[in-house]
Amino acid sequence: MLLEALSSAILGLALAWAAARRLSHRLPARALVLPTGVAGALFGAFLMNTALDAGNLLTILFGAAIVSVASLSLLLRPAGRLRRRSATA
């Protein structure tokens, strides 16, 4: 179980680092992005471990990656400015 937690934390940190490096213009500060990726991966590993009852390490890491990416996607901001149409038109 320790190996699963450590592996998922490292995976979450790597995913968050890659997202912060590639999408830095659309994400908030790196101090928020990195812990969000790790926390998402740990929560995903917990969910998969609970659902599969100590299943395969690869499936647990797969679930950790999915939840980590989903939590990182919640931090994304829109790429461009949103245009509003005038109410008088």
PDB file of N, CA and C in Angstrom:
ATOM      1  N   MET A   1       0.825  -1.189   0.000  1.00  0.00           N
ATOM      2  CA  MET A   1       0.000   0.000   0.000  1.00  0.00           C
ATOM      3  C   MET A   1       0.873   1.258   0.000  1.00  0.00           C
ATOM      4  N   LEU A   2       1.995   1.183   0.658  1.00  0.00           N
ATOM      5  CA  LEU A   2       2.907   2.321   0.661  1.00  0.00           C
ATOM      6  C   LEU A   2       3.463   2.578  -0.738  1.00  0.00           C
ATOM      7  N   LEU A   3       3.736   1.505  -1.448  1.00  0.00           N
ATOM      8  CA  LEU A   3       4.234   1.642  -2.819  1.00  0.00           C
ATOM      9  C   LEU A   3       3.181   2.286  -3.724  1.00  0.00           C
ATOM     10  N   GLU A   4       1.935   1.928  -3.532  1.00  0.00           N
ATOM     11  CA  GLU A   4       0.854   2.525  -4.324  1.00  0.00           C
ATOM     12  C   GLU A   4       0.734   4.017  -4.040  1.00  0.00           C
ATOM     13  N   ALA A   5       0.791   4.390  -2.770  1.00  0.00           N
ATOM     14  CA  ALA A   5       0.667   5.803  -2.405  1.00  0.00           C
ATOM     15  C   ALA A   5       1.852   6.617  -2.919  1.00  0.00           C
ATOM     16  N   LEU A   6       3.037   6.094  -2.756  1.00  0.00           N
ATOM     17  CA  LEU A   6       4.222   6.809  -3.219  1.00  0.00           C
ATOM     18  C   LEU A   6       4.244   6.919  -4.745  1.00  0.00           C
ATOM     19  N   SER A   7       3.881   5.833  -5.410  1.00  0.00           N
ATOM     20  CA  SER A   7       3.850   5.860  -6.886  1.00  0.00           C
ATOM     21  C   SER A   7       2.806   6.832  -7.411  1.00  0.00           C
ATOM     22  N   SER A   8       1.639   6.853  -6.788  1.00  0.00           N
ATOM     23  CA  SER A   8       0.599   7.763  -7.260  1.00  0.00           C
ATOM     24  C   SER A   8       0.952   9.213  -6.958  1.00  0.00           C
ATOM     25  N   ALA A   9       1.616   9.476  -5.837  1.00  0.00           N
ATOM     26  CA  ALA A   9       2.037  10.848  -5.531  1.00  0.00           C
ATOM     27  C   ALA A   9       3.075  11.336  -6.538  1.00  0.00           C
ATOM     28  N   ILE A  10       4.011  10.468  -6.898  1.00  0.00           N
ATOM     29  CA  ILE A  10       5.023  10.839  -7.895  1.00  0.00           C
ATOM     30  C   ILE A  10       4.374  11.045  -9.258  1.00  0.00           C
ATOM     31  N   LEU A  11       3.417  10.183  -9.603  1.00  0.00           N
ATOM     32  CA  LEU A  11       2.695  10.332 -10.868  1.00  0.00           C
ATOM     33  C   LEU A  11       1.916  11.645 -10.900  1.00  0.00           C
ATOM     34  N   GLY A  12       1.235  11.974  -9.821  1.00  0.00           N
ATOM     35  CA  GLY A  12       0.487  13.228  -9.747  1.00  0.00           C
ATOM     36  C   GLY A  12       1.398  14.440  -9.840  1.00  0.00           C
ATOM     37  N   LEU A  13       2.550  14.366  -9.191  1.00  0.00           N
ATOM     38  CA  LEU A  13       3.515  15.469  -9.266  1.00  0.00           C
ATOM     39  C   LEU A  13       4.052  15.627 -10.681  1.00  0.00           C
ATOM     40  N   ALA A  14       4.318  14.524 -11.351  1.00  0.00           N
ATOM     41  CA  ALA A  14       4.808  14.595 -12.733  1.00  0.00           C
ATOM     42  C   ALA A  14       3.750  15.162 -13.673  1.00  0.00           C
ATOM     43  N   LEU A  15       2.507  14.736 -13.502  1.00  0.00           N
ATOM     44  CA  LEU A  15       1.423  15.272 -14.342  1.00  0.00           C
ATOM     45  C   LEU A  15       1.208  16.759 -14.092  1.00  0.00           C
ATOM     46  N   ALA A  16       1.251  17.157 -12.828  1.00  0.00           N
ATOM     47  CA  ALA A  16       1.068  18.575 -12.497  1.00  0.00           C
ATOM     48  C   ALA A  16       2.232  19.409 -13.014  1.00  0.00           C
ATOM     49  N   TRP A  17       3.452  18.885 -12.921  1.00  0.00           N
ATOM     50  CA  TRP A  17       4.608  19.623 -13.422  1.00  0.00           C
ATOM     51  C   TRP A  17       4.509  19.792 -14.936  1.00  0.00           C
ATOM     52  N   ALA A  18       4.111  18.719 -15.630  1.00  0.00           N
ATOM     53  CA  ALA A  18       3.976  18.800 -17.088  1.00  0.00           C
ATOM     54  C   ALA A  18       2.875  19.782 -17.483  1.00  0.00           C
ATOM     55  N   ALA A  19       1.770  19.772 -16.745  1.00  0.00           N
ATOM     56  CA  ALA A  19       0.686  20.712 -17.047  1.00  0.00           C
ATOM     57  C   ALA A  19       1.112  22.142 -16.763  1.00  0.00           C
ATOM     58  N   ALA A  20       1.811  22.359 -15.670  1.00  0.00           N
ATOM     59  CA  ALA A  20       2.258  23.711 -15.329  1.00  0.00           C
ATOM     60  C   ALA A  20       3.285  24.221 -16.335  1.00  0.00           C
ATOM     61  N   ARG A  21       4.083  23.329 -16.845  1.00  0.00           N
ATOM     62  CA  ARG A  21       5.092  23.743 -17.821  1.00  0.00           C
ATOM     63  C   ARG A  21       4.476  24.011 -19.195  1.00  0.00           C
ATOM     64  N   ARG A  22       3.538  23.167 -19.591  1.00  0.00           N
ATOM     65  CA  ARG A  22       2.950  23.302 -20.931  1.00  0.00           C
ATOM     66  C   ARG A  22       1.839  24.340 -20.987  1.00  0.00           C
ATOM     67  N   LEU A  23       1.047  24.445 -19.942  1.00  0.00           N
ATOM     68  CA  LEU A  23      -0.109  25.350 -19.931  1.00  0.00           C
ATOM     69  C   LEU A  23       0.036  26.448 -18.882  1.00  0.00           C
ATOM     70  N   SER A  24       1.207  26.987 -18.726  1.00  0.00           N
ATOM     71  CA  SER A  24       1.447  27.979 -17.676  1.00  0.00           C
ATOM     72  C   SER A  24       0.625  29.253 -17.869  1.00  0.00           C
ATOM     73  N   HIS A  25       0.288  29.587 -19.110  1.00  0.00           N
ATOM     74  CA  HIS A  25      -0.498  30.787 -19.368  1.00  0.00           C
ATOM     75  C   HIS A  25      -1.965  30.615 -18.997  1.00  0.00           C
ATOM     76  N   ARG A  26      -2.423  29.370 -18.831  1.00  0.00           N
ATOM     77  CA  ARG A  26      -3.833  29.121 -18.525  1.00  0.00           C
ATOM     78  C   ARG A  26      -4.064  28.598 -17.114  1.00  0.00           C
ATOM     79  N   LEU A  27      -2.989  28.403 -16.345  1.00  0.00           N
ATOM     80  CA  LEU A  27      -3.112  27.871 -14.991  1.00  0.00           C
ATOM     81  C   LEU A  27      -2.706  28.924 -13.965  1.00  0.00           C
ATOM     82  N   PRO A  28      -3.204  28.792 -12.729  1.00  0.00           N
ATOM     83  CA  PRO A  28      -2.765  29.723 -11.673  1.00  0.00           C
ATOM     84  C   PRO A  28      -1.321  29.415 -11.269  1.00  0.00           C
ATOM     85  N   ALA A  29      -0.907  29.935 -10.143  1.00  0.00           N
ATOM     86  CA  ALA A  29       0.478  29.796  -9.688  1.00  0.00           C
ATOM     87  C   ALA A  29       0.864  28.329  -9.517  1.00  0.00           C
ATOM     88  N   ARG A  30       2.132  28.060  -9.730  1.00  0.00           N
ATOM     89  CA  ARG A  30       2.643  26.698  -9.623  1.00  0.00           C
ATOM     90  C   ARG A  30       2.484  26.146  -8.210  1.00  0.00           C
ATOM     91  N   ALA A  31       2.471  27.028  -7.218  1.00  0.00           N
ATOM     92  CA  ALA A  31       2.301  26.603  -5.829  1.00  0.00           C
ATOM     93  C   ALA A  31       0.917  26.015  -5.576  1.00  0.00           C
ATOM     94  N   LEU A  32      -0.040  26.278  -6.430  1.00  0.00           N
ATOM     95  CA  LEU A  32      -1.368  25.688  -6.327  1.00  0.00           C
ATOM     96  C   LEU A  32      -1.513  24.469  -7.236  1.00  0.00           C
ATOM     97  N   VAL A  33      -0.866  24.494  -8.375  1.00  0.00           N
ATOM     98  CA  VAL A  33      -1.016  23.427  -9.366  1.00  0.00           C
ATOM     99  C   VAL A  33      -0.365  22.132  -8.886  1.00  0.00           C
ATOM    100  N   LEU A  34       0.848  22.209  -8.358  1.00  0.00           N
ATOM    101  CA  LEU A  34       1.562  21.001  -7.955  1.00  0.00           C
ATOM    102  C   LEU A  34       0.859  20.236  -6.837  1.00  0.00           C
ATOM    103  N   PRO A  35       0.441  20.878  -5.749  1.00  0.00           N
ATOM    104  CA  PRO A  35      -0.285  20.115  -4.719  1.00  0.00           C
ATOM    105  C   PRO A  35      -1.640  19.589  -5.184  1.00  0.00           C
ATOM    106  N   THR A  36      -2.271  20.290  -6.111  1.00  0.00           N
ATOM    107  CA  THR A  36      -3.548  19.807  -6.641  1.00  0.00           C
ATOM    108  C   THR A  36      -3.361  18.509  -7.417  1.00  0.00           C
ATOM    109  N   GLY A  37      -2.310  18.432  -8.197  1.00  0.00           N
ATOM    110  CA  GLY A  37      -2.031  17.207  -8.937  1.00  0.00           C
ATOM    111  C   GLY A  37      -1.718  16.036  -8.017  1.00  0.00           C
ATOM    112  N   VAL A  38      -0.931  16.282  -6.977  1.00  0.00           N
ATOM    113  CA  VAL A  38      -0.589  15.221  -6.029  1.00  0.00           C
ATOM    114  C   VAL A  38      -1.821  14.770  -5.250  1.00  0.00           C
ATOM    115  N   ALA A  39      -2.606  15.725  -4.771  1.00  0.00           N
ATOM    116  CA  ALA A  39      -3.809  15.385  -4.004  1.00  0.00           C
ATOM    117  C   ALA A  39      -4.813  14.634  -4.867  1.00  0.00           C
ATOM    118  N   GLY A  40      -4.964  15.037  -6.112  1.00  0.00           N
ATOM    119  CA  GLY A  40      -5.868  14.330  -7.015  1.00  0.00           C
ATOM    120  C   GLY A  40      -5.415  12.904  -7.260  1.00  0.00           C
ATOM    121  N   ALA A  41      -4.116  12.709  -7.423  1.00  0.00           N
ATOM    122  CA  ALA A  41      -3.599  11.358  -7.661  1.00  0.00           C
ATOM    123  C   ALA A  41      -3.759  10.484  -6.419  1.00  0.00           C
ATOM    124  N   LEU A  42      -3.505  11.044  -5.255  1.00  0.00           N
ATOM    125  CA  LEU A  42      -3.680  10.264  -4.026  1.00  0.00           C
ATOM    126  C   LEU A  42      -5.143   9.894  -3.815  1.00  0.00           C
ATOM    127  N   PHE A  43      -6.035  10.821  -4.108  1.00  0.00           N
ATOM    128  CA  PHE A  43      -7.458  10.527  -3.967  1.00  0.00           C
ATOM    129  C   PHE A  43      -7.898   9.485  -4.994  1.00  0.00           C
ATOM    130  N   GLY A  44      -7.389   9.577  -6.211  1.00  0.00           N
ATOM    131  CA  GLY A  44      -7.711   8.585  -7.229  1.00  0.00           C
ATOM    132  C   GLY A  44      -7.201   7.203  -6.862  1.00  0.00           C
ATOM    133  N   ALA A  45      -5.999   7.142  -6.286  1.00  0.00           N
ATOM    134  CA  ALA A  45      -5.472   5.854  -5.841  1.00  0.00           C
ATOM    135  C   ALA A  45      -6.314   5.290  -4.702  1.00  0.00           C
ATOM    136  N   PHE A  46      -6.755   6.159  -3.811  1.00  0.00           N
ATOM    137  CA  PHE A  46      -7.625   5.715  -2.720  1.00  0.00           C
ATOM    138  C   PHE A  46      -8.947   5.162  -3.257  1.00  0.00           C
ATOM    139  N   LEU A  47      -9.521   5.863  -4.224  1.00  0.00           N
ATOM    140  CA  LEU A  47     -10.776   5.395  -4.816  1.00  0.00           C
ATOM    141  C   LEU A  47     -10.613   4.042  -5.508  1.00  0.00           C
ATOM    142  N   MET A  48      -9.562   3.914  -6.274  1.00  0.00           N
ATOM    143  CA  MET A  48      -9.350   2.655  -6.995  1.00  0.00           C
ATOM    144  C   MET A  48      -9.018   1.521  -6.037  1.00  0.00           C
ATOM    145  N   ASN A  49      -8.256   1.817  -4.995  1.00  0.00           N
ATOM    146  CA  ASN A  49      -7.931   0.794  -4.005  1.00  0.00           C
ATOM    147  C   ASN A  49      -9.182   0.351  -3.258  1.00  0.00           C
ATOM    148  N   THR A  50     -10.063   1.280  -2.976  1.00  0.00           N
ATOM    149  CA  THR A  50     -11.310   0.944  -2.295  1.00  0.00           C
ATOM    150  C   THR A  50     -12.239   0.160  -3.221  1.00  0.00           C
ATOM    151  N   ALA A  51     -12.323   0.571  -4.461  1.00  0.00           N
ATOM    152  CA  ALA A  51     -13.235  -0.091  -5.394  1.00  0.00           C
ATOM    153  C   ALA A  51     -12.752  -1.477  -5.784  1.00  0.00           C
ATOM    154  N   LEU A  52     -11.451  -1.632  -5.976  1.00  0.00           N
ATOM    155  CA  LEU A  52     -10.919  -2.906  -6.442  1.00  0.00           C
ATOM    156  C   LEU A  52     -10.387  -3.781  -5.317  1.00  0.00           C
ATOM    157  N   ASP A  53     -10.359  -3.281  -4.096  1.00  0.00           N
ATOM    158  CA  ASP A  53      -9.889  -4.027  -2.932  1.00  0.00           C
ATOM    159  C   ASP A  53      -8.457  -4.524  -3.144  1.00  0.00           C
ATOM    160  N   ALA A  54      -7.538  -3.572  -3.164  1.00  0.00           N
ATOM    161  CA  ALA A  54      -6.106  -3.855  -3.332  1.00  0.00           C
ATOM    162  C   ALA A  54      -5.835  -4.620  -4.620  1.00  0.00           C
ATOM    163  N   GLY A  55      -6.251  -4.039  -5.713  1.00  0.00           N
ATOM    164  CA  GLY A  55      -6.091  -4.685  -7.018  1.00  0.00           C
ATOM    165  C   GLY A  55      -4.696  -4.508  -7.570  1.00  0.00           C
ATOM    166  N   ASN A  56      -4.597  -4.524  -8.856  1.00  0.00           N
ATOM    167  CA  ASN A  56      -3.349  -4.412  -9.583  1.00  0.00           C
ATOM    168  C   ASN A  56      -2.787  -2.991  -9.461  1.00  0.00           C
ATOM    169  N   LEU A  57      -1.462  -2.885  -9.377  1.00  0.00           N
ATOM    170  CA  LEU A  57      -0.818  -1.578  -9.235  1.00  0.00           C
ATOM    171  C   LEU A  57      -1.069  -0.701 -10.459  1.00  0.00           C
ATOM    172  N   LEU A  58      -1.069  -1.295 -11.652  1.00  0.00           N
ATOM    173  CA  LEU A  58      -1.273  -0.500 -12.864  1.00  0.00           C
ATOM    174  C   LEU A  58      -2.676   0.086 -12.940  1.00  0.00           C
ATOM    175  N   THR A  59      -3.672  -0.653 -12.514  1.00  0.00           N
ATOM    176  CA  THR A  59      -5.030  -0.110 -12.537  1.00  0.00           C
ATOM    177  C   THR A  59      -5.207   0.987 -11.496  1.00  0.00           C
ATOM    178  N   ILE A  60      -4.526   0.847 -10.375  1.00  0.00           N
ATOM    179  CA  ILE A  60      -4.593   1.891  -9.346  1.00  0.00           C
ATOM    180  C   ILE A  60      -3.908   3.158  -9.849  1.00  0.00           C
ATOM    181  N   LEU A  61      -2.773   3.005 -10.517  1.00  0.00           N
ATOM    182  CA  LEU A  61      -2.090   4.173 -11.082  1.00  0.00           C
ATOM    183  C   LEU A  61      -2.886   4.798 -12.217  1.00  0.00           C
ATOM    184  N   PHE A  62      -3.589   3.978 -12.972  1.00  0.00           N
ATOM    185  CA  PHE A  62      -4.448   4.500 -14.036  1.00  0.00           C
ATOM    186  C   PHE A  62      -5.569   5.346 -13.439  1.00  0.00           C
ATOM    187  N   GLY A  63      -6.204   4.876 -12.388  1.00  0.00           N
ATOM    188  CA  GLY A  63      -7.239   5.657 -11.709  1.00  0.00           C
ATOM    189  C   GLY A  63      -6.682   6.921 -11.082  1.00  0.00           C
ATOM    190  N   ALA A  64      -5.469   6.834 -10.546  1.00  0.00           N
ATOM    191  CA  ALA A  64      -4.825   8.006  -9.962  1.00  0.00           C
ATOM    192  C   ALA A  64      -4.551   9.064 -11.021  1.00  0.00           C
ATOM    193  N   ALA A  65      -4.123   8.624 -12.200  1.00  0.00           N
ATOM    194  CA  ALA A  65      -3.852   9.570 -13.287  1.00  0.00           C
ATOM    195  C   ALA A  65      -5.132  10.232 -13.765  1.00  0.00           C
ATOM    196  N   ILE A  66      -6.213   9.474 -13.858  1.00  0.00           N
ATOM    197  CA  ILE A  66      -7.485  10.040 -14.318  1.00  0.00           C
ATOM    198  C   ILE A  66      -7.985  11.111 -13.354  1.00  0.00           C
ATOM    199  N   VAL A  67      -7.975  10.828 -12.073  1.00  0.00           N
ATOM    200  CA  VAL A  67      -8.479  11.804 -11.097  1.00  0.00           C
ATOM    201  C   VAL A  67      -7.536  12.997 -10.999  1.00  0.00           C
ATOM    202  N   SER A  68      -6.240  12.777 -11.124  1.00  0.00           N
ATOM    203  CA  SER A  68      -5.288  13.883 -11.088  1.00  0.00           C
ATOM    204  C   SER A  68      -5.487  14.829 -12.267  1.00  0.00           C
ATOM    205  N   VAL A  69      -5.658  14.282 -13.450  1.00  0.00           N
ATOM    206  CA  VAL A  69      -5.887  15.119 -14.643  1.00  0.00           C
ATOM    207  C   VAL A  69      -7.228  15.844 -14.537  1.00  0.00           C
ATOM    208  N   ALA A  70      -8.223  15.154 -13.997  1.00  0.00           N
ATOM    209  CA  ALA A  70      -9.533  15.802 -13.833  1.00  0.00           C
ATOM    210  C   ALA A  70      -9.454  16.956 -12.842  1.00  0.00           C
ATOM    211  N   SER A  71      -8.727  16.787 -11.767  1.00  0.00           N
ATOM    212  CA  SER A  71      -8.615  17.881 -10.799  1.00  0.00           C
ATOM    213  C   SER A  71      -7.769  19.025 -11.341  1.00  0.00           C
ATOM    214  N   LEU A  72      -6.770  18.712 -12.138  1.00  0.00           N
ATOM    215  CA  LEU A  72      -5.980  19.777 -12.762  1.00  0.00           C
ATOM    216  C   LEU A  72      -6.781  20.530 -13.813  1.00  0.00           C
ATOM    217  N   SER A  73      -7.683  19.845 -14.483  1.00  0.00           N
ATOM    218  CA  SER A  73      -8.487  20.512 -15.503  1.00  0.00           C
ATOM    219  C   SER A  73      -9.453  21.527 -14.886  1.00  0.00           C
ATOM    220  N   LEU A  74      -9.778  21.351 -13.627  1.00  0.00           N
ATOM    221  CA  LEU A  74     -10.657  22.326 -12.968  1.00  0.00           C
ATOM    222  C   LEU A  74      -9.961  23.656 -12.717  1.00  0.00           C
ATOM    223  N   LEU A  75      -8.646  23.661 -12.780  1.00  0.00           N
ATOM    224  CA  LEU A  75      -7.893  24.900 -12.556  1.00  0.00           C
ATOM    225  C   LEU A  75      -7.700  25.725 -13.825  1.00  0.00           C
ATOM    226  N   LEU A  76      -8.005  25.159 -14.974  1.00  0.00           N
ATOM    227  CA  LEU A  76      -7.770  25.853 -16.244  1.00  0.00           C
ATOM    228  C   LEU A  76      -8.670  27.069 -16.404  1.00  0.00           C
ATOM    229  N   ARG A  77      -8.097  28.112 -16.955  1.00  0.00           N
ATOM    230  CA  ARG A  77      -8.839  29.323 -17.296  1.00  0.00           C
ATOM    231  C   ARG A  77      -9.067  29.358 -18.800  1.00  0.00           C
ATOM    232  N   PRO A  78     -10.053  30.121 -19.249  1.00  0.00           N
ATOM    233  CA  PRO A  78     -10.283  30.212 -20.697  1.00  0.00           C
ATOM    234  C   PRO A  78      -9.064  30.785 -21.418  1.00  0.00           C
ATOM    235  N   ALA A  79      -8.862  30.361 -22.651  1.00  0.00           N
ATOM    236  CA  ALA A  79      -7.686  30.787 -23.410  1.00  0.00           C
ATOM    237  C   ALA A  79      -7.769  32.248 -23.834  1.00  0.00           C
ATOM    238  N   GLY A  80      -8.911  32.644 -24.332  1.00  0.00           N
ATOM    239  CA  GLY A  80      -9.060  34.021 -24.786  1.00  0.00           C
ATOM    240  C   GLY A  80     -10.114  34.746 -23.978  1.00  0.00           C
ATOM    241  N   ARG A  81     -10.271  35.992 -24.280  1.00  0.00           N
ATOM    242  CA  ARG A  81     -11.311  36.753 -23.590  1.00  0.00           C
ATOM    243  C   ARG A  81     -12.670  36.375 -24.142  1.00  0.00           C
ATOM    244  N   LEU A  82     -13.610  36.293 -23.270  1.00  0.00           N
ATOM    245  CA  LEU A  82     -14.976  35.984 -23.691  1.00  0.00           C
ATOM    246  C   LEU A  82     -15.619  37.260 -24.211  1.00  0.00           C
ATOM    247  N   ARG A  83     -16.212  37.177 -25.370  1.00  0.00           N
ATOM    248  CA  ARG A  83     -16.871  38.351 -25.940  1.00  0.00           C
ATOM    249  C   ARG A  83     -18.335  38.322 -25.564  1.00  0.00           C
ATOM    250  N   ARG A  84     -18.794  39.432 -25.081  1.00  0.00           N
ATOM    251  CA  ARG A  84     -20.223  39.549 -24.731  1.00  0.00           C
ATOM    252  C   ARG A  84     -20.915  40.386 -25.772  1.00  0.00           C
ATOM    253  N   ARG A  85     -22.076  39.933 -26.133  1.00  0.00           N
ATOM    254  CA  ARG A  85     -22.864  40.714 -27.081  1.00  0.00           C
ATOM    255  C   ARG A  85     -23.640  41.767 -26.332  1.00  0.00           C
ATOM    256  N   SER A  86     -23.815  42.861 -26.958  1.00  0.00           N
ATOM    257  CA  SER A  86     -24.553  43.940 -26.296  1.00  0.00           C
ATOM    258  C   SER A  86     -26.037  43.583 -26.244  1.00  0.00           C
ATOM    259  N   ALA A  87     -26.680  44.027 -25.184  1.00  0.00           N
ATOM    260  CA  ALA A  87     -28.094  43.706 -24.983  1.00  0.00           C
ATOM    261  C   ALA A  87     -28.996  44.542 -25.894  1.00  0.00           C
ATOM    262  N   THR A  88     -28.474  45.603 -26.474  1.00  0.00           N
ATOM    263  CA  THR A  88     -29.295  46.484 -27.292  1.00  0.00           C
ATOM    264  C   THR A  88     -29.423  45.986 -28.728  1.00  0.00           C
ATOM    265  N   ALA A  89     -28.610  45.049 -29.132  1.00  0.00           N
ATOM    266  CA  ALA A  89     -28.639  44.601 -30.534  1.00  0.00           C
ATOM    267  C   ALA A  89     -29.758  43.684 -30.853  1.00  0.00           C
TER     268      ALA A  89
END
